[in-house]
């Protein structure tokens, strides 16, 4: 699987846009450094769905202690977290 930062961010954004679309929101303008929970594009259930998708897509489990804004708050943070977990940076 491609674990290039740009690919990871694009994949996350596509999923956020998909989830937001189900809530009648258009998240296409979401920036990679924008806080996803504060953006208003997805609700708390959508955040949980996104985290489940993230784990399943990239084949890893996120320990409860790692469920933080620093690790998962933005698309950039998520990409960096994944790359660290996978030993890529």
Protein backbone atom coordinates (compact mmCIF):
# COMPACT_ATOMS: atom_id res chain seq x y z
CA UNK A 1 0.00 0.00 0.00
CA UNK A 2 1.14 3.52 -0.79
CA UNK A 3 2.06 5.33 2.42
CA UNK A 4 3.20 8.54 0.77
CA UNK A 5 1.97 11.55 2.79
CA UNK A 6 0.12 13.08 -0.18
CA UNK A 7 -1.64 9.79 -0.93
CA UNK A 8 -2.67 9.35 2.71
CA UNK A 9 -4.03 12.91 2.90
CA UNK A 10 -5.93 12.51 -0.38
CA UNK A 11 -7.45 9.24 0.87
CA UNK A 12 -8.51 10.81 4.18
CA UNK A 13 -9.99 13.83 2.41
CA UNK A 14 -12.01 11.61 0.08
CA UNK A 15 -13.44 9.79 3.09
CA UNK A 16 -14.24 13.02 4.97
CA UNK A 17 -15.97 14.37 1.84
CA UNK A 18 -17.95 11.12 1.54
CA UNK A 19 -19.05 11.20 5.19
CA UNK A 20 -19.88 14.91 5.04
CA UNK A 21 -21.90 14.38 1.88
CA UNK A 22 -24.09 11.97 3.81
CA UNK A 23 -24.76 14.82 6.24
CA UNK A 24 -25.58 17.24 3.39
CA UNK A 25 -22.29 19.10 3.85
CA UNK A 26 -19.68 19.88 1.21
CA UNK A 27 -16.23 19.28 2.71
CA UNK A 28 -14.26 19.65 -0.52
CA UNK A 29 -12.71 22.90 0.76
CA UNK A 30 -11.31 21.25 3.91
CA UNK A 31 -7.59 22.02 4.15
CA UNK A 32 -5.06 19.40 5.21
CA UNK A 33 -4.08 21.42 8.30
CA UNK A 34 -7.65 22.31 9.32
CA UNK A 35 -9.02 20.71 12.49
CA UNK A 36 -11.56 18.18 11.30
CA UNK A 37 -13.65 18.15 14.52
CA UNK A 38 -13.87 21.97 14.51
CA UNK A 39 -14.65 22.23 10.81
CA UNK A 40 -18.33 21.40 11.24
CA UNK A 41 -18.28 19.14 8.19
CA UNK A 42 -18.83 15.91 10.12
CA UNK A 43 -20.41 15.11 13.46
CA UNK A 44 -19.13 12.89 16.28
CA UNK A 45 -20.58 9.77 14.67
CA UNK A 46 -18.82 10.77 11.45
CA UNK A 47 -15.55 11.14 13.34
CA UNK A 48 -15.91 7.63 14.71
CA UNK A 49 -16.72 6.35 11.23
CA UNK A 50 -13.65 8.11 9.86
CA UNK A 51 -11.39 6.60 12.52
CA UNK A 52 -12.78 3.11 11.85
CA UNK A 53 -12.23 3.63 8.13
CA UNK A 54 -8.66 4.88 8.79
CA UNK A 55 -7.80 1.77 10.79
CA UNK A 56 -9.37 -0.61 8.27
CA UNK A 57 -7.93 1.08 5.20
CA UNK A 58 -4.39 1.24 6.50
CA UNK A 59 -4.58 -2.06 8.41
CA UNK A 60 -3.66 -1.04 11.94
CA UNK A 61 -5.33 -0.44 15.30
CA UNK A 62 -5.17 2.86 17.12
CA UNK A 63 -4.66 2.45 20.87
CA UNK A 64 -7.11 4.47 22.97
CA UNK A 65 -4.24 6.58 24.34
CA UNK A 66 -3.42 7.70 20.78
CA UNK A 67 -6.94 9.00 20.02
CA UNK A 68 -5.89 12.63 20.36
CA UNK A 69 -6.19 15.85 18.38
CA UNK A 70 -2.39 15.82 18.01
CA UNK A 71 -2.54 12.45 16.23
CA UNK A 72 -5.90 12.58 14.47
CA UNK A 73 -7.14 16.18 14.45
CA UNK A 74 -6.11 17.10 10.92
CA UNK A 75 -5.40 15.20 7.75
CA UNK A 76 -1.72 16.16 8.06
CA UNK A 77 -1.64 14.91 11.66
CA UNK A 78 -3.29 11.64 10.64
CA UNK A 79 -0.78 11.10 7.83
CA UNK A 80 2.14 11.82 10.15
CA UNK A 81 0.74 9.53 12.84
CA UNK A 82 0.23 6.68 10.38
CA UNK A 83 3.73 7.06 8.97
CA UNK A 84 5.21 7.02 12.52
CA UNK A 85 3.18 3.93 13.48
CA UNK A 86 4.32 2.16 10.31
CA UNK A 87 7.94 3.16 11.00
CA UNK A 88 8.22 5.54 8.05
CA UNK A 89 8.97 8.79 9.81
